[in-house]
């Protein structure tokens, strides 16, 4: 299983890659119809994007997560918009293989550690990064990436805080992603551009797979 620092520094299981290293892009999925979950996940995996973050932004999210976990074993399904310890517990029960939060608190961090599931807590300032490093967490979500300073901000963190690695998410598209991926402290980026609403509404999974394949080739 993919690993992200969790209960202790370097908590990735031996021989198992970090979620940050599975692909250059993690699709950030907002699912309105749970029936879309399985074919969408299969299209993303076929295109080379195995790590999929399903956000808790719609009523369909929980059913979608359970369906992907049960029916698309080759997908590494994660849960995004994790805000509370209750979300952590429910995510693990639903089959989540990693957790993503837009920010973090001491209470949420304790719950994510206790879950045993890899996680990416959200940060947007140097102080938040330092606080997580003190807890032994070295892999984080940088959110909202574009609004919080983008590549210039992350580049400025690389020298004083080289041990921190990031998955920037928020406002990143196919044209901006390569600049992020070129940074030494960026493992991957999160984005939605491979899931255009019209393609999803039309269940055009071939187009989704093609866009996923283009995203998977961004780090070259």
Protein backbone atom coordinates (compact mmCIF):
# COMPACT_ATOMS: atom_id res chain seq x y z
CA UNK A 1 0.00 0.00 0.00
CA UNK A 2 1.15 3.49 -0.70
CA UNK A 3 2.54 5.23 2.34
CA UNK A 4 2.63 8.75 3.67
CA UNK A 5 4.33 9.68 6.92
CA UNK A 6 1.89 8.94 9.68
CA UNK A 7 2.54 7.48 13.12
CA UNK A 8 6.25 8.27 13.08
CA UNK A 9 8.90 9.78 10.81
CA UNK A 10 9.46 7.72 7.66
CA UNK A 11 6.34 5.66 8.34
CA UNK A 12 6.03 4.46 4.74
CA UNK A 13 6.05 0.64 4.83
CA UNK A 14 9.36 -0.83 3.74
CA UNK A 15 9.48 -1.26 -0.02
CA UNK A 16 6.19 0.59 -0.52
CA UNK A 17 6.11 3.88 -2.42
CA UNK A 18 4.64 7.05 -0.98
CA UNK A 19 1.32 8.27 -2.33
CA UNK A 20 3.33 11.26 -3.59
CA UNK A 21 5.33 8.94 -5.83
CA UNK A 22 2.57 6.86 -7.43
CA UNK A 23 1.93 9.32 -10.27
CA UNK A 24 2.61 12.98 -11.03
CA UNK A 25 -1.07 13.86 -10.52
CA UNK A 26 -3.69 12.83 -7.97
CA UNK A 27 -7.17 13.40 -9.41
CA UNK A 28 -9.32 15.34 -6.94
CA UNK A 29 -12.78 13.93 -7.49
CA UNK A 30 -16.13 15.50 -6.59
CA UNK A 31 -18.73 12.82 -7.29
CA UNK A 32 -22.36 13.84 -7.70
CA UNK A 33 -23.58 10.41 -8.81
CA UNK A 34 -22.18 7.32 -7.09
CA UNK A 35 -22.89 5.32 -10.26
CA UNK A 36 -20.02 7.23 -11.90
CA UNK A 37 -17.47 6.14 -9.30
CA UNK A 38 -16.37 2.75 -10.59
CA UNK A 39 -16.13 3.55 -14.34
CA UNK A 40 -14.44 6.85 -13.52
CA UNK A 41 -11.88 5.15 -11.31
CA UNK A 42 -11.22 2.49 -13.93
CA UNK A 43 -10.66 5.17 -16.58
CA UNK A 44 -8.25 7.09 -14.33
CA UNK A 45 -6.28 3.96 -13.45
CA UNK A 46 -6.16 2.87 -17.10
CA UNK A 47 -4.74 6.30 -17.93
CA UNK A 48 -1.95 5.90 -15.39
CA UNK A 49 -3.36 7.71 -12.35
CA UNK A 50 -3.89 5.06 -9.65
CA UNK A 51 -4.16 7.37 -6.62
CA UNK A 52 -7.63 8.93 -6.53
CA UNK A 53 -8.82 11.43 -3.91
CA UNK A 54 -12.59 11.39 -3.50
CA UNK A 55 -13.64 14.51 -1.62
CA UNK A 56 -16.34 14.59 1.04
CA UNK A 57 -18.20 17.41 -0.68
CA UNK A 58 -21.31 15.59 -1.87
CA UNK A 59 -23.82 13.13 -0.40
CA UNK A 60 -22.64 10.53 -2.94
CA UNK A 61 -19.05 10.55 -1.69
CA UNK A 62 -19.26 7.72 0.85
CA UNK A 63 -21.00 5.33 -1.54
CA UNK A 64 -18.47 6.23 -4.22
CA UNK A 65 -15.50 5.53 -1.93
CA UNK A 66 -16.92 2.17 -0.86
CA UNK A 67 -17.63 1.21 -4.47
CA UNK A 68 -14.14 2.07 -5.70
CA UNK A 69 -12.52 0.27 -2.77
CA UNK A 70 -14.59 -2.85 -3.42
CA UNK A 71 -14.64 -2.97 -7.21
CA UNK A 72 -11.42 -1.29 -8.40
CA UNK A 73 -8.67 -2.91 -6.32
CA UNK A 74 -5.95 -1.51 -8.57
CA UNK A 75 -6.98 2.01 -7.53
CA UNK A 76 -5.45 3.57 -4.42
CA UNK A 77 -8.57 5.34 -3.21
CA UNK A 78 -8.16 8.20 -0.77
CA UNK A 79 -10.60 10.45 1.01
CA UNK A 80 -10.27 14.22 0.77
CA UNK A 81 -11.82 17.08 2.73
CA UNK A 82 -11.23 15.11 5.93
CA UNK A 83 -12.10 17.62 8.66
CA UNK A 84 -12.85 15.68 11.84
CA UNK A 85 -11.86 12.52 13.72
CA UNK A 86 -15.27 11.16 12.77
CA UNK A 87 -14.38 11.62 9.10
CA UNK A 88 -11.15 9.72 9.73
CA UNK A 89 -12.96 6.76 11.28
CA UNK A 90 -15.62 6.65 8.57
CA UNK A 91 -13.00 6.92 5.81
CA UNK A 92 -11.08 3.91 7.08
CA UNK A 93 -14.29 1.92 7.42
CA UNK A 94 -15.20 2.82 3.82
CA UNK A 95 -11.90 1.47 2.53
CA UNK A 96 -9.71 4.56 2.27
CA UNK A 97 -6.03 3.88 1.64
CA UNK A 98 -4.97 7.45 2.36
CA UNK A 99 -6.46 10.61 3.87
CA UNK A 100 -6.19 14.24 2.78
CA UNK A 101 -7.19 17.30 4.79
CA UNK A 102 -7.27 20.96 3.70
CA UNK A 103 -5.64 21.90 7.02
CA UNK A 104 -4.95 20.32 10.37
CA UNK A 105 -5.48 20.67 14.10
CA UNK A 106 -3.89 18.76 16.94
CA UNK A 107 -7.11 16.76 17.40
CA UNK A 108 -7.36 15.86 13.72
CA UNK A 109 -3.68 14.98 13.54
CA UNK A 110 -4.02 12.60 16.50
CA UNK A 111 -6.94 10.88 14.82
CA UNK A 112 -5.12 10.50 11.52
CA UNK A 113 -2.07 9.07 13.29
CA UNK A 114 -4.21 6.63 15.25
CA UNK A 115 -5.98 5.41 12.10
CA UNK A 116 -2.88 3.69 10.76
CA UNK A 117 -3.78 5.04 7.32
CA UNK A 118 -1.30 7.26 5.43
CA UNK A 119 -2.30 10.90 5.34
CA UNK A 120 -1.52 14.30 3.86
CA UNK A 121 -2.39 17.16 6.23
CA UNK A 122 -2.91 20.54 4.60
CA UNK A 123 -0.59 23.52 5.08
CA UNK A 124 -0.27 26.98 3.57
CA UNK A 125 2.40 28.67 5.74
CA UNK A 126 5.96 27.99 6.84
CA UNK A 127 4.85 27.89 10.48
CA UNK A 128 2.34 25.12 9.73
CA UNK A 129 5.06 23.16 7.93
CA UNK A 130 7.42 23.57 10.90
CA UNK A 131 4.74 22.40 13.31
CA UNK A 132 4.15 19.24 11.29
CA UNK A 133 7.87 18.58 11.01
CA UNK A 134 8.04 18.74 14.81
CA UNK A 135 5.43 15.97 14.82
CA UNK A 136 7.54 13.89 12.45
CA UNK A 137 5.29 14.49 9.44
CA UNK A 138 7.26 15.26 6.29
CA UNK A 139 4.66 14.82 3.51
CA UNK A 140 1.86 17.38 3.25
CA UNK A 141 -0.78 18.90 1.04
CA UNK A 142 -0.09 22.53 0.06
CA UNK A 143 -3.50 24.18 -0.18
CA UNK A 144 -4.86 26.34 -1.73
CA UNK A 145 -1.76 26.21 -3.89
CA UNK A 146 -2.25 29.05 -6.36
CA UNK A 147 -3.90 31.38 -3.83
CA UNK A 148 -1.29 30.64 -1.16
CA UNK A 149 1.72 31.65 -3.26
CA UNK A 150 2.07 28.92 -5.84
CA UNK A 151 5.41 27.78 -7.16
CA UNK A 152 7.24 30.87 -5.91
CA UNK A 153 6.23 30.12 -2.32
CA UNK A 154 7.10 26.43 -2.52
CA UNK A 155 10.43 27.23 -4.15
CA UNK A 156 11.25 29.55 -1.24
CA UNK A 157 10.54 26.73 1.26
CA UNK A 158 12.80 24.20 -0.44
CA UNK A 159 16.10 25.55 0.90
CA UNK A 160 15.27 26.13 4.60
CA UNK A 161 12.90 23.14 4.86
CA UNK A 162 14.26 20.52 2.45
CA UNK A 163 12.79 17.61 4.42
CA UNK A 164 9.21 18.70 3.64
CA UNK A 165 7.54 17.29 0.52
CA UNK A 166 4.26 18.52 -0.89
CA UNK A 167 1.25 17.70 -3.02
CA UNK A 168 0.06 21.17 -4.10
CA UNK A 169 -3.67 21.34 -4.79
CA UNK A 170 -6.00 24.20 -5.61
CA UNK A 171 -6.18 26.12 -8.87
CA UNK A 172 -3.67 23.93 -10.69
CA UNK A 173 -4.38 22.95 -14.28
CA UNK A 174 -2.55 21.08 -17.02
CA UNK A 175 -0.56 24.15 -18.06
CA UNK A 176 0.54 25.03 -14.50
CA UNK A 177 1.28 21.50 -13.30
CA UNK A 178 4.71 21.09 -14.97
CA UNK A 179 6.11 24.14 -13.17
CA UNK A 180 5.07 22.64 -9.83
CA UNK A 181 6.40 19.20 -10.73
CA UNK A 182 9.80 20.67 -11.56
CA UNK A 183 10.28 21.77 -7.94
CA UNK A 184 12.49 19.55 -5.76
CA UNK A 185 10.01 19.53 -2.87
CA UNK A 186 6.94 18.57 -4.92
CA UNK A 187 6.12 14.90 -5.26
CA UNK A 188 2.89 15.29 -7.21
CA UNK A 189 0.04 17.74 -7.71
CA UNK A 190 -3.70 17.45 -7.19
CA UNK A 191 -6.14 18.57 -9.84
CA UNK A 192 -9.47 18.11 -11.55
CA UNK A 193 -8.75 18.97 -15.18
CA UNK A 194 -8.78 15.32 -16.30
CA UNK A 195 -12.42 15.16 -15.19
CA UNK A 196 -14.22 17.86 -17.22
CA UNK A 197 -17.86 18.12 -16.11
CA UNK A 198 -19.24 17.61 -19.61
CA UNK A 199 -17.28 14.37 -20.06
CA UNK A 200 -18.40 13.06 -16.67
CA UNK A 201 -22.04 14.00 -17.34
CA UNK A 202 -21.88 12.21 -20.68
CA UNK A 203 -20.08 9.24 -19.11
CA UNK A 204 -17.34 9.73 -21.69
CA UNK A 205 -14.81 7.59 -19.85
CA UNK A 206 -12.66 7.26 -22.96
CA UNK A 207 -12.02 11.01 -22.85
CA UNK A 208 -11.29 10.83 -19.12
CA UNK A 209 -8.79 8.05 -19.74
CA UNK A 210 -7.09 10.08 -22.48
CA UNK A 211 -6.81 13.15 -20.25
CA UNK A 212 -5.52 10.97 -17.40
CA UNK A 213 -2.86 9.54 -19.71
CA UNK A 214 -1.75 13.05 -20.64
CA UNK A 215 -1.57 13.98 -16.95
CA UNK A 216 0.41 10.84 -16.13
CA UNK A 217 2.98 11.85 -18.75
CA UNK A 218 3.56 15.34 -17.34
CA UNK A 219 6.67 14.35 -15.43
CA UNK A 220 8.96 13.32 -18.19
